[in-house]
Amino acid sequence: MDTSIDLATVIPNEFPPFLLKYKNIGTVFFNGAKAAALYRQLVVPKLPGNLRLLSYMPLPSTSPAHAAMPFAEKLRQWSSVRRAAES
């Protein structure tokens, strides 16, 4: 559960070198609002200015905790990842 995340123990992945290596990435997608919030809080401040211009898209969490949203709606929103990859 997102509410169980202890911020003192969160260690973000090394996004800056990854994004610098893969310069064709234009959008970063997140599995839920908490992932997006942690990225904004822990990663964005460490990004070089040009990488802060990427598009960011939080998607509905795939966890059972987000079961209120119908599967068809989750699929519709998550399909944006495929569209981005194909363009």
Foldseek 3Di string as FASTA:
>chain_A
DLVPDDVVPDDDDPPQVVCVVVVPQQEDEAQDPSRVVCCVVPPLVVHPPVVVNGHYYYAYHPDCVSVVDDPVVSCVRVCVVVVSVVD
